[in-house]
């Protein structure tokens, strides 16, 4: 078998593997990675929005970011691997950049239902959390729909 035939066979196997659907756990992990990335971006952008008021929490966000750098880097790497697998190296990086910018733009005018004081307290509490699952749970609460209060 020549070098070109071996290369073609390897590419065919790689292409076939790429078509196999990801297991449910991989999709769940990817969804968690996206939530963590969005939580980090939301807190970062919100800290910038709130930086000139009485509830400036840039130092709290910095503490959160430092405490969870490893978790957030893992989440970002998982998202990047997924985008590269879907779109190729250059297009995958651009796609991830677009997603990150879209996430940041969602919070450019502030959080939809939390004020700077609440965000400050949240960032401070989350900086002390050491459990990845607890961060994912916090992301679900902070990034989902606002809590519904009883109207009556």
C-alpha atoms as a PDB file:
ATOM      1  CA  UNK A   1       0.000   0.000   0.000  1.00  0.00           C
ATOM      2  CA  UNK A   2       1.510   3.355  -1.026  1.00  0.00           C
ATOM      3  CA  UNK A   3       1.716   6.424   1.200  1.00  0.00           C
ATOM      4  CA  UNK A   4      -1.168   8.097  -0.640  1.00  0.00           C
ATOM      5  CA  UNK A   5      -3.383   5.027  -0.281  1.00  0.00           C
ATOM      6  CA  UNK A   6      -2.640   4.829   3.456  1.00  0.00           C
ATOM      7  CA  UNK A   7      -3.374   8.530   3.831  1.00  0.00           C
ATOM      8  CA  UNK A   8      -6.624   8.216   1.891  1.00  0.00           C
ATOM      9  CA  UNK A   9      -7.663   5.228   4.027  1.00  0.00           C
ATOM     10  CA  UNK A  10      -6.871   7.141   7.218  1.00  0.00           C
ATOM     11  CA  UNK A  11      -8.873  10.127   6.013  1.00  0.00           C
ATOM     12  CA  UNK A  12     -11.817   7.891   5.139  1.00  0.00           C
ATOM     13  CA  UNK A  13     -11.779   6.354   8.632  1.00  0.00           C
ATOM     14  CA  UNK A  14     -11.525   9.818  10.231  1.00  0.00           C
ATOM     15  CA  UNK A  15     -14.430  11.069   8.134  1.00  0.00           C
ATOM     16  CA  UNK A  16     -16.544   8.073   9.132  1.00  0.00           C
ATOM     17  CA  UNK A  17     -15.768   8.567  12.820  1.00  0.00           C
ATOM     18  CA  UNK A  18     -16.741  12.240  12.511  1.00  0.00           C
ATOM     19  CA  UNK A  19     -20.185  11.199  11.239  1.00  0.00           C
ATOM     20  CA  UNK A  20     -20.939   9.008  14.253  1.00  0.00           C
ATOM     21  CA  UNK A  21     -23.206  10.941  16.629  1.00  0.00           C
ATOM     22  CA  UNK A  22     -21.623  12.033  19.885  1.00  0.00           C
ATOM     23  CA  UNK A  23     -22.735  10.068  22.942  1.00  0.00           C
ATOM     24  CA  UNK A  24     -25.307  11.729  25.188  1.00  0.00           C
ATOM     25  CA  UNK A  25     -22.681  12.327  27.885  1.00  0.00           C
ATOM     26  CA  UNK A  26     -20.491  14.229  25.402  1.00  0.00           C
ATOM     27  CA  UNK A  27     -23.459  16.424  24.450  1.00  0.00           C
ATOM     28  CA  UNK A  28     -24.253  16.997  28.130  1.00  0.00           C
ATOM     29  CA  UNK A  29     -20.639  17.919  28.836  1.00  0.00           C
ATOM     30  CA  UNK A  30     -20.643  20.268  25.854  1.00  0.00           C
ATOM     31  CA  UNK A  31     -23.870  21.904  27.076  1.00  0.00           C
ATOM     32  CA  UNK A  32     -22.271  22.353  30.500  1.00  0.00           C
ATOM     33  CA  UNK A  33     -19.158  23.841  28.903  1.00  0.00           C
ATOM     34  CA  UNK A  34     -21.336  26.351  27.063  1.00  0.00           C
ATOM     35  CA  UNK A  35     -23.153  27.272  30.282  1.00  0.00           C
ATOM     36  CA  UNK A  36     -19.861  27.781  32.120  1.00  0.00           C
ATOM     37  CA  UNK A  37     -18.469  29.886  29.292  1.00  0.00           C
ATOM     38  CA  UNK A  38     -21.612  31.997  29.242  1.00  0.00           C
ATOM     39  CA  UNK A  39     -21.545  32.397  33.043  1.00  0.00           C
ATOM     40  CA  UNK A  40     -17.967  33.656  32.869  1.00  0.00           C
ATOM     41  CA  UNK A  41     -18.732  36.048  30.014  1.00  0.00           C
ATOM     42  CA  UNK A  42     -21.902  37.318  31.729  1.00  0.00           C
ATOM     43  CA  UNK A  43     -20.014  38.097  34.942  1.00  0.00           C
ATOM     44  CA  UNK A  44     -17.146  39.728  33.037  1.00  0.00           C
ATOM     45  CA  UNK A  45     -19.393  41.957  30.925  1.00  0.00           C
ATOM     46  CA  UNK A  46     -21.650  42.774  33.879  1.00  0.00           C
ATOM     47  CA  UNK A  47     -18.616  43.746  35.968  1.00  0.00           C
ATOM     48  CA  UNK A  48     -17.666  46.204  33.230  1.00  0.00           C
ATOM     49  CA  UNK A  49     -21.209  47.584  33.043  1.00  0.00           C
ATOM     50  CA  UNK A  50     -21.255  48.065  36.831  1.00  0.00           C
ATOM     51  CA  UNK A  51     -17.707  49.372  37.259  1.00  0.00           C
ATOM     52  CA  UNK A  52     -18.608  53.043  37.764  1.00  0.00           C
ATOM     53  CA  UNK A  53     -21.357  52.584  40.337  1.00  0.00           C
ATOM     54  CA  UNK A  54     -21.483  51.899  44.043  1.00  0.00           C
ATOM     55  CA  UNK A  55     -21.657  48.162  43.318  1.00  0.00           C
ATOM     56  CA  UNK A  56     -18.462  47.887  41.283  1.00  0.00           C
ATOM     57  CA  UNK A  57     -17.585  44.198  41.423  1.00  0.00           C
ATOM     58  CA  UNK A  58     -14.569  43.954  39.155  1.00  0.00           C
ATOM     59  CA  UNK A  59     -12.452  42.705  42.056  1.00  0.00           C
ATOM     60  CA  UNK A  60     -15.094  40.055  42.831  1.00  0.00           C
ATOM     61  CA  UNK A  61     -15.145  38.991  39.183  1.00  0.00           C
ATOM     62  CA  UNK A  62     -11.342  38.886  39.173  1.00  0.00           C
ATOM     63  CA  UNK A  63     -11.413  36.608  42.213  1.00  0.00           C
ATOM     64  CA  UNK A  64     -14.044  34.408  40.501  1.00  0.00           C
ATOM     65  CA  UNK A  65     -11.968  34.291  37.323  1.00  0.00           C
ATOM     66  CA  UNK A  66      -8.785  33.374  39.178  1.00  0.00           C
ATOM     67  CA  UNK A  67     -10.520  30.718  41.285  1.00  0.00           C
ATOM     68  CA  UNK A  68     -12.115  29.042  38.262  1.00  0.00           C
ATOM     69  CA  UNK A  69      -9.504  29.584  35.566  1.00  0.00           C
ATOM     70  CA  UNK A  70      -8.935  25.834  35.161  1.00  0.00           C
ATOM     71  CA  UNK A  71     -12.640  25.004  34.874  1.00  0.00           C
ATOM     72  CA  UNK A  72     -13.271  27.865  32.454  1.00  0.00           C
ATOM     73  CA  UNK A  73     -10.221  26.951  30.352  1.00  0.00           C
ATOM     74  CA  UNK A  74     -11.475  23.352  30.135  1.00  0.00           C
ATOM     75  CA  UNK A  75     -14.922  24.583  29.104  1.00  0.00           C
ATOM     76  CA  UNK A  76     -13.451  26.878  26.451  1.00  0.00           C
ATOM     77  CA  UNK A  77     -11.236  24.095  25.133  1.00  0.00           C
ATOM     78  CA  UNK A  78     -14.220  21.718  24.887  1.00  0.00           C
ATOM     79  CA  UNK A  79     -16.188  24.300  22.918  1.00  0.00           C
ATOM     80  CA  UNK A  80     -13.231  24.986  20.663  1.00  0.00           C
ATOM     81  CA  UNK A  81     -12.675  21.266  19.974  1.00  0.00           C
ATOM     82  CA  UNK A  82     -16.343  20.937  19.068  1.00  0.00           C
ATOM     83  CA  UNK A  83     -16.285  23.936  16.729  1.00  0.00           C
ATOM     84  CA  UNK A  84     -13.062  22.767  15.074  1.00  0.00           C
ATOM     85  CA  UNK A  85     -14.518  19.269  14.618  1.00  0.00           C
ATOM     86  CA  UNK A  86     -17.628  20.761  13.018  1.00  0.00           C
ATOM     87  CA  UNK A  87     -16.093  23.506  10.891  1.00  0.00           C
ATOM     88  CA  UNK A  88     -12.342  22.890  10.619  1.00  0.00           C
ATOM     89  CA  UNK A  89      -9.532  24.783  12.373  1.00  0.00           C
ATOM     90  CA  UNK A  90      -9.891  28.304  10.954  1.00  0.00           C
ATOM     91  CA  UNK A  91     -13.672  28.362  10.565  1.00  0.00           C
ATOM     92  CA  UNK A  92     -14.102  26.677  13.967  1.00  0.00           C
ATOM     93  CA  UNK A  93     -12.126  29.398  15.734  1.00  0.00           C
ATOM     94  CA  UNK A  94     -14.149  32.096  13.963  1.00  0.00           C
ATOM     95  CA  UNK A  95     -17.407  30.347  14.852  1.00  0.00           C
ATOM     96  CA  UNK A  96     -16.425  30.186  18.529  1.00  0.00           C
ATOM     97  CA  UNK A  97     -15.436  33.858  18.455  1.00  0.00           C
ATOM     98  CA  UNK A  98     -18.863  34.741  17.019  1.00  0.00           C
ATOM     99  CA  UNK A  99     -20.621  32.714  19.720  1.00  0.00           C
ATOM    100  CA  UNK A 100     -18.547  34.399  22.451  1.00  0.00           C
ATOM    101  CA  UNK A 101     -19.300  37.863  21.070  1.00  0.00           C
ATOM    102  CA  UNK A 102     -23.007  37.002  20.882  1.00  0.00           C
ATOM    103  CA  UNK A 103     -22.894  35.877  24.537  1.00  0.00           C
ATOM    104  CA  UNK A 104     -21.149  39.103  25.564  1.00  0.00           C
ATOM    105  CA  UNK A 105     -23.583  41.267  23.627  1.00  0.00           C
ATOM    106  CA  UNK A 106     -26.507  39.745  25.528  1.00  0.00           C
ATOM    107  CA  UNK A 107     -25.213  41.454  28.675  1.00  0.00           C
ATOM    108  CA  UNK A 108     -23.869  44.690  27.197  1.00  0.00           C
ATOM    109  CA  UNK A 109     -26.793  46.628  28.657  1.00  0.00           C
ATOM    110  CA  UNK A 110     -26.695  44.745  31.949  1.00  0.00           C
ATOM    111  CA  UNK A 111     -28.233  41.552  33.243  1.00  0.00           C
ATOM    112  CA  UNK A 112     -31.921  41.169  32.299  1.00  0.00           C
ATOM    113  CA  UNK A 113     -33.218  40.907  35.863  1.00  0.00           C
ATOM    114  CA  UNK A 114     -30.330  41.325  38.291  1.00  0.00           C
ATOM    115  CA  UNK A 115     -28.886  44.637  39.361  1.00  0.00           C
ATOM    116  CA  UNK A 116     -25.255  45.416  40.067  1.00  0.00           C
ATOM    117  CA  UNK A 117     -25.630  44.778  43.807  1.00  0.00           C
ATOM    118  CA  UNK A 118     -27.068  41.317  43.238  1.00  0.00           C
ATOM    119  CA  UNK A 119     -24.402  40.527  40.657  1.00  0.00           C
ATOM    120  CA  UNK A 120     -21.676  41.697  43.041  1.00  0.00           C
ATOM    121  CA  UNK A 121     -22.939  39.389  45.789  1.00  0.00           C
ATOM    122  CA  UNK A 122     -23.290  36.539  43.308  1.00  0.00           C
ATOM    123  CA  UNK A 123     -19.773  36.955  41.917  1.00  0.00           C
ATOM    124  CA  UNK A 124     -18.394  37.057  45.446  1.00  0.00           C
ATOM    125  CA  UNK A 125     -20.234  33.863  46.475  1.00  0.00           C
ATOM    126  CA  UNK A 126     -19.298  32.043  43.264  1.00  0.00           C
ATOM    127  CA  UNK A 127     -15.625  32.887  43.759  1.00  0.00           C
ATOM    128  CA  UNK A 128     -15.745  30.656  46.843  1.00  0.00           C
ATOM    129  CA  UNK A 129     -17.475  27.720  45.111  1.00  0.00           C
ATOM    130  CA  UNK A 130     -15.089  24.865  44.340  1.00  0.00           C
ATOM    131  CA  UNK A 131     -17.453  22.389  42.708  1.00  0.00           C
ATOM    132  CA  UNK A 132     -17.915  22.361  38.913  1.00  0.00           C
ATOM    133  CA  UNK A 133     -21.441  20.960  39.208  1.00  0.00           C
ATOM    134  CA  UNK A 134     -22.383  23.805  41.565  1.00  0.00           C
ATOM    135  CA  UNK A 135     -21.111  26.310  38.984  1.00  0.00           C
ATOM    136  CA  UNK A 136     -23.192  24.637  36.270  1.00  0.00           C
ATOM    137  CA  UNK A 137     -26.229  24.803  38.567  1.00  0.00           C
ATOM    138  CA  UNK A 138     -25.549  28.487  39.254  1.00  0.00           C
ATOM    139  CA  UNK A 139     -25.294  29.095  35.509  1.00  0.00           C
ATOM    140  CA  UNK A 140     -28.689  27.441  35.018  1.00  0.00           C
ATOM    141  CA  UNK A 141     -30.210  29.791  37.587  1.00  0.00           C
ATOM    142  CA  UNK A 142     -28.438  32.973  36.470  1.00  0.00           C
ATOM    143  CA  UNK A 143     -28.696  32.521  32.724  1.00  0.00           C
ATOM    144  CA  UNK A 144     -32.167  31.033  32.446  1.00  0.00           C
ATOM    145  CA  UNK A 145     -35.440  32.802  32.587  1.00  0.00           C
ATOM    146  CA  UNK A 146     -36.028  35.205  35.464  1.00  0.00           C
ATOM    147  CA  UNK A 147     -37.743  33.835  38.542  1.00  0.00           C
ATOM    148  CA  UNK A 148     -41.507  34.103  38.369  1.00  0.00           C
ATOM    149  CA  UNK A 149     -43.100  35.781  41.360  1.00  0.00           C
ATOM    150  CA  UNK A 150     -46.632  35.030  42.409  1.00  0.00           C
ATOM    151  CA  UNK A 151     -48.777  37.823  41.018  1.00  0.00           C
ATOM    152  CA  UNK A 152     -51.534  37.407  43.614  1.00  0.00           C
END
